[in-house]
Amino acid sequence: MPQLLASTSPATSSVLQLNQSLKMSFQLSVQGSGSVSASAVVEGSHDGQGWLNIATLEASGTTYGTDGGTFETLFPQVRCRLTAVTGTATVFWAS
């Protein structure tokens, strides 16, 4: 799976430009020492300025946690926004 974002603090990924309706999957993983957690929002946009929530991902655990899912969208632009991190979080995507 291609990596979309990796960070130890809140961050926003680059924008994926989509040409058509697309089925895709996203996976959020977080790892570190002790208790780890991360939250991310997958967002879509038609104009690249207003972003709407497609899905929310929440991962937590002891040294590792993960969450994800499959989605279908008509938005031509998609991004992922990491909203909270304890540890190192990585977001992967595939279509």
N, C-alpha and C. Protein backbone atom coordinates (compact mmCIF):
# COMPACT_ATOMS: atom_id res chain seq x y z
N MET A 1 0.83 -1.18 0.00
CA MET A 1 0.00 0.00 0.00
C MET A 1 0.88 1.25 0.00
N PRO A 2 0.57 2.22 -0.83
CA PRO A 2 1.35 3.47 -0.80
C PRO A 2 1.12 4.23 0.50
N GLN A 3 2.18 4.83 1.00
CA GLN A 3 2.10 5.64 2.21
C GLN A 3 1.62 7.04 1.84
N LEU A 4 0.61 7.53 2.53
CA LEU A 4 0.06 8.85 2.29
C LEU A 4 0.61 9.87 3.26
N LEU A 5 0.87 9.45 4.50
CA LEU A 5 1.25 10.39 5.55
C LEU A 5 1.93 9.63 6.68
N ALA A 6 2.99 10.19 7.24
CA ALA A 6 3.62 9.65 8.45
C ALA A 6 4.02 10.84 9.31
N SER A 7 3.66 10.79 10.60
CA SER A 7 3.92 11.95 11.46
C SER A 7 3.85 11.56 12.93
N THR A 8 4.53 12.33 13.77
CA THR A 8 4.44 12.19 15.21
C THR A 8 3.58 13.30 15.81
N SER A 9 2.98 14.15 14.94
CA SER A 9 2.11 15.23 15.40
C SER A 9 1.00 15.44 14.37
N PRO A 10 -0.06 16.18 14.72
CA PRO A 10 -1.13 16.42 13.76
C PRO A 10 -0.59 17.01 12.45
N ALA A 11 -1.11 16.54 11.33
CA ALA A 11 -0.63 16.96 10.01
C ALA A 11 -1.70 16.66 8.96
N THR A 12 -1.56 17.25 7.79
CA THR A 12 -2.47 17.00 6.68
C THR A 12 -1.66 16.48 5.50
N SER A 13 -2.17 15.43 4.85
CA SER A 13 -1.47 14.82 3.72
C SER A 13 -1.58 15.69 2.48
N SER A 14 -0.83 15.32 1.47
CA SER A 14 -1.01 15.94 0.16
C SER A 14 -2.36 15.46 -0.39
N VAL A 15 -2.86 16.13 -1.40
CA VAL A 15 -4.17 15.82 -1.96
C VAL A 15 -4.03 14.77 -3.05
N LEU A 16 -4.87 13.74 -3.00
CA LEU A 16 -4.94 12.74 -4.07
C LEU A 16 -5.92 13.26 -5.11
N GLN A 17 -5.51 13.36 -6.36
CA GLN A 17 -6.38 13.79 -7.45
C GLN A 17 -6.97 12.54 -8.11
N LEU A 18 -8.28 12.41 -8.08
CA LEU A 18 -8.96 11.24 -8.62
C LEU A 18 -9.68 11.62 -9.90
N ASN A 19 -9.72 10.73 -10.87
CA ASN A 19 -10.34 11.01 -12.16
C ASN A 19 -11.79 10.56 -12.26
N GLN A 20 -12.23 9.70 -11.35
CA GLN A 20 -13.58 9.14 -11.45
C GLN A 20 -13.97 8.56 -10.10
N SER A 21 -15.17 8.02 -10.02
CA SER A 21 -15.59 7.33 -8.81
C SER A 21 -14.56 6.26 -8.49
N LEU A 22 -14.15 6.19 -7.25
CA LEU A 22 -13.05 5.31 -6.92
C LEU A 22 -13.33 4.56 -5.63
N LYS A 23 -13.15 3.27 -5.68
CA LYS A 23 -13.16 2.46 -4.47
C LYS A 23 -11.74 2.48 -3.94
N MET A 24 -11.61 2.75 -2.65
CA MET A 24 -10.27 2.82 -2.06
C MET A 24 -10.31 2.30 -0.64
N SER A 25 -9.13 2.01 -0.13
CA SER A 25 -9.01 1.62 1.27
C SER A 25 -7.97 2.50 1.93
N PHE A 26 -8.19 2.76 3.21
CA PHE A 26 -7.24 3.51 4.03
C PHE A 26 -6.94 2.69 5.26
N GLN A 27 -5.70 2.75 5.74
CA GLN A 27 -5.32 2.11 6.99
C GLN A 27 -4.47 3.07 7.79
N LEU A 28 -4.87 3.31 9.01
CA LEU A 28 -4.11 4.11 9.97
C LEU A 28 -3.42 3.15 10.93
N SER A 29 -2.13 3.30 11.09
CA SER A 29 -1.42 2.51 12.10
C SER A 29 -0.61 3.45 12.98
N VAL A 30 -0.46 3.08 14.23
CA VAL A 30 0.32 3.87 15.18
C VAL A 30 1.16 2.92 16.00
N GLN A 31 2.41 3.33 16.25
CA GLN A 31 3.28 2.48 17.05
C GLN A 31 4.23 3.34 17.88
N GLY A 32 4.76 2.73 18.93
CA GLY A 32 5.67 3.42 19.83
C GLY A 32 5.85 2.61 21.09
N SER A 33 6.34 3.25 22.13
CA SER A 33 6.55 2.59 23.42
C SER A 33 5.35 2.84 24.32
N GLY A 34 4.87 1.81 24.98
CA GLY A 34 3.75 1.96 25.89
C GLY A 34 2.44 2.19 25.17
N SER A 35 1.61 3.02 25.74
CA SER A 35 0.29 3.30 25.18
C SER A 35 0.42 4.24 23.98
N VAL A 36 -0.19 3.86 22.84
CA VAL A 36 -0.15 4.66 21.63
C VAL A 36 -1.57 4.88 21.12
N SER A 37 -1.79 6.01 20.43
CA SER A 37 -3.10 6.28 19.85
C SER A 37 -2.96 7.30 18.73
N ALA A 38 -3.90 7.25 17.79
CA ALA A 38 -3.94 8.22 16.71
C ALA A 38 -5.36 8.31 16.18
N SER A 39 -5.73 9.50 15.72
CA SER A 39 -7.02 9.76 15.10
C SER A 39 -6.78 10.45 13.77
N ALA A 40 -7.55 10.04 12.75
CA ALA A 40 -7.40 10.66 11.43
C ALA A 40 -8.77 10.78 10.79
N VAL A 41 -8.91 11.78 9.92
CA VAL A 41 -10.14 12.00 9.18
C VAL A 41 -9.80 11.94 7.69
N VAL A 42 -10.52 11.10 6.94
CA VAL A 42 -10.39 11.06 5.48
C VAL A 42 -11.43 12.04 4.95
N GLU A 43 -10.99 12.98 4.10
CA GLU A 43 -11.86 14.04 3.62
C GLU A 43 -11.87 14.10 2.10
N GLY A 44 -12.98 14.57 1.54
CA GLY A 44 -13.11 14.75 0.10
C GLY A 44 -13.55 16.16 -0.23
N SER A 45 -13.21 16.61 -1.46
CA SER A 45 -13.56 17.96 -1.88
C SER A 45 -13.78 18.02 -3.39
N HIS A 46 -14.64 18.92 -3.82
CA HIS A 46 -14.83 19.20 -5.24
C HIS A 46 -13.99 20.39 -5.68
N ASP A 47 -13.73 21.34 -4.76
CA ASP A 47 -13.02 22.56 -5.15
C ASP A 47 -11.64 22.72 -4.53
N GLY A 48 -11.24 21.80 -3.64
CA GLY A 48 -9.92 21.88 -3.01
C GLY A 48 -9.85 22.90 -1.88
N GLN A 49 -10.98 23.52 -1.53
CA GLN A 49 -11.00 24.50 -0.44
C GLN A 49 -11.92 24.05 0.70
N GLY A 50 -13.09 23.56 0.35
CA GLY A 50 -14.02 23.04 1.35
C GLY A 50 -13.90 21.53 1.43
N TRP A 51 -13.61 21.00 2.61
CA TRP A 51 -13.37 19.57 2.78
C TRP A 51 -14.48 18.95 3.62
N LEU A 52 -15.00 17.80 3.18
CA LEU A 52 -16.08 17.10 3.85
C LEU A 52 -15.61 15.73 4.32
N ASN A 53 -16.10 15.33 5.49
CA ASN A 53 -15.69 14.07 6.12
C ASN A 53 -16.22 12.86 5.33
N ILE A 54 -15.32 11.97 4.94
CA ILE A 54 -15.70 10.69 4.34
C ILE A 54 -15.67 9.59 5.41
N ALA A 55 -14.66 9.62 6.26
CA ALA A 55 -14.53 8.59 7.31
C ALA A 55 -13.62 9.10 8.43
N THR A 56 -13.81 8.54 9.62
CA THR A 56 -12.94 8.82 10.76
C THR A 56 -12.27 7.51 11.17
N LEU A 57 -10.95 7.57 11.37
CA LEU A 57 -10.18 6.40 11.77
C LEU A 57 -9.62 6.64 13.17
N GLU A 58 -9.70 5.63 14.04
CA GLU A 58 -9.20 5.71 15.42
C GLU A 58 -8.38 4.45 15.70
N ALA A 59 -7.12 4.61 16.06
CA ALA A 59 -6.26 3.47 16.36
C ALA A 59 -5.62 3.66 17.72
N SER A 60 -5.56 2.58 18.51
CA SER A 60 -4.90 2.64 19.81
C SER A 60 -4.46 1.24 20.24
N GLY A 61 -3.53 1.21 21.16
CA GLY A 61 -3.06 -0.07 21.65
C GLY A 61 -1.83 0.11 22.53
N THR A 62 -1.22 -1.01 22.86
CA THR A 62 0.03 -1.01 23.61
C THR A 62 1.13 -1.35 22.63
N THR A 63 1.93 -0.43 22.27
CA THR A 63 3.02 -0.44 21.29
C THR A 63 2.54 -0.45 19.83
N TYR A 64 1.30 -0.88 19.53
CA TYR A 64 0.79 -0.85 18.15
C TYR A 64 -0.74 -0.84 18.13
N GLY A 65 -1.30 -0.09 17.20
CA GLY A 65 -2.75 -0.08 17.00
C GLY A 65 -3.05 0.23 15.55
N THR A 66 -4.22 -0.21 15.05
CA THR A 66 -4.57 0.02 13.66
C THR A 66 -6.08 0.14 13.48
N ASP A 67 -6.49 0.85 12.44
CA ASP A 67 -7.90 0.97 12.07
C ASP A 67 -7.93 1.29 10.58
N GLY A 68 -9.04 0.99 9.94
CA GLY A 68 -9.15 1.29 8.52
C GLY A 68 -10.47 0.83 7.96
N GLY A 69 -10.57 0.93 6.65
CA GLY A 69 -11.79 0.49 6.00
C GLY A 69 -11.74 0.78 4.51
N THR A 70 -12.78 0.34 3.82
CA THR A 70 -12.90 0.60 2.38
C THR A 70 -14.00 1.63 2.16
N PHE A 71 -13.82 2.46 1.14
CA PHE A 71 -14.73 3.56 0.87
C PHE A 71 -14.88 3.71 -0.63
N GLU A 72 -16.01 4.26 -1.05
CA GLU A 72 -16.20 4.64 -2.45
C GLU A 72 -16.63 6.10 -2.45
N THR A 73 -16.01 6.90 -3.31
CA THR A 73 -16.29 8.32 -3.31
C THR A 73 -16.40 8.87 -4.73
N LEU A 74 -17.17 9.93 -4.88
CA LEU A 74 -17.25 10.65 -6.14
C LEU A 74 -16.45 11.95 -6.07
N PHE A 75 -15.87 12.27 -4.92
CA PHE A 75 -15.05 13.47 -4.80
C PHE A 75 -13.81 13.35 -5.68
N PRO A 76 -13.49 14.37 -6.46
CA PRO A 76 -12.29 14.31 -7.29
C PRO A 76 -10.99 14.52 -6.51
N GLN A 77 -11.09 15.02 -5.27
CA GLN A 77 -9.91 15.25 -4.46
C GLN A 77 -10.14 14.63 -3.08
N VAL A 78 -9.13 13.93 -2.60
CA VAL A 78 -9.21 13.27 -1.29
C VAL A 78 -7.91 13.53 -0.55
N ARG A 79 -8.02 13.73 0.75
CA ARG A 79 -6.84 13.88 1.60
C ARG A 79 -7.11 13.23 2.94
N CYS A 80 -6.07 13.11 3.76
CA CYS A 80 -6.20 12.58 5.11
C CYS A 80 -5.61 13.59 6.08
N ARG A 81 -6.34 13.84 7.15
CA ARG A 81 -5.89 14.79 8.17
C ARG A 81 -5.72 14.03 9.48
N LEU A 82 -4.49 13.98 9.96
CA LEU A 82 -4.16 13.35 11.24
C LEU A 82 -4.46 14.38 12.32
N THR A 83 -5.42 14.06 13.20
CA THR A 83 -5.88 15.06 14.17
C THR A 83 -5.25 14.92 15.55
N ALA A 84 -4.78 13.74 15.92
CA ALA A 84 -4.15 13.52 17.22
C ALA A 84 -3.22 12.32 17.13
N VAL A 85 -2.06 12.42 17.79
CA VAL A 85 -1.08 11.32 17.75
C VAL A 85 -0.35 11.21 19.08
N THR A 86 -0.23 9.99 19.57
CA THR A 86 0.69 9.64 20.66
C THR A 86 1.47 8.45 20.12
N GLY A 87 2.73 8.67 19.76
CA GLY A 87 3.54 7.67 19.07
C GLY A 87 3.84 8.17 17.67
N THR A 88 4.07 7.25 16.73
CA THR A 88 4.29 7.59 15.32
C THR A 88 3.17 6.98 14.51
N ALA A 89 2.44 7.83 13.80
CA ALA A 89 1.29 7.36 13.02
C ALA A 89 1.62 7.36 11.54
N THR A 90 1.09 6.38 10.81
CA THR A 90 1.26 6.27 9.37
C THR A 90 -0.09 5.97 8.75
N VAL A 91 -0.41 6.64 7.64
CA VAL A 91 -1.64 6.37 6.90
C VAL A 91 -1.26 5.82 5.53
N PHE A 92 -1.85 4.68 5.18
CA PHE A 92 -1.64 4.05 3.88
C PHE A 92 -2.95 4.10 3.10
N TRP A 93 -2.87 4.04 1.77
CA TRP A 93 -4.08 3.99 0.97
C TRP A 93 -3.84 3.11 -0.24
N ALA A 94 -4.91 2.60 -0.81
CA ALA A 94 -4.84 1.80 -2.04
C ALA A 94 -6.16 1.94 -2.76
N SER A 95 -6.12 1.80 -4.08
CA SER A 95 -7.36 1.84 -4.87
C SER A 95 -7.42 0.65 -5.79
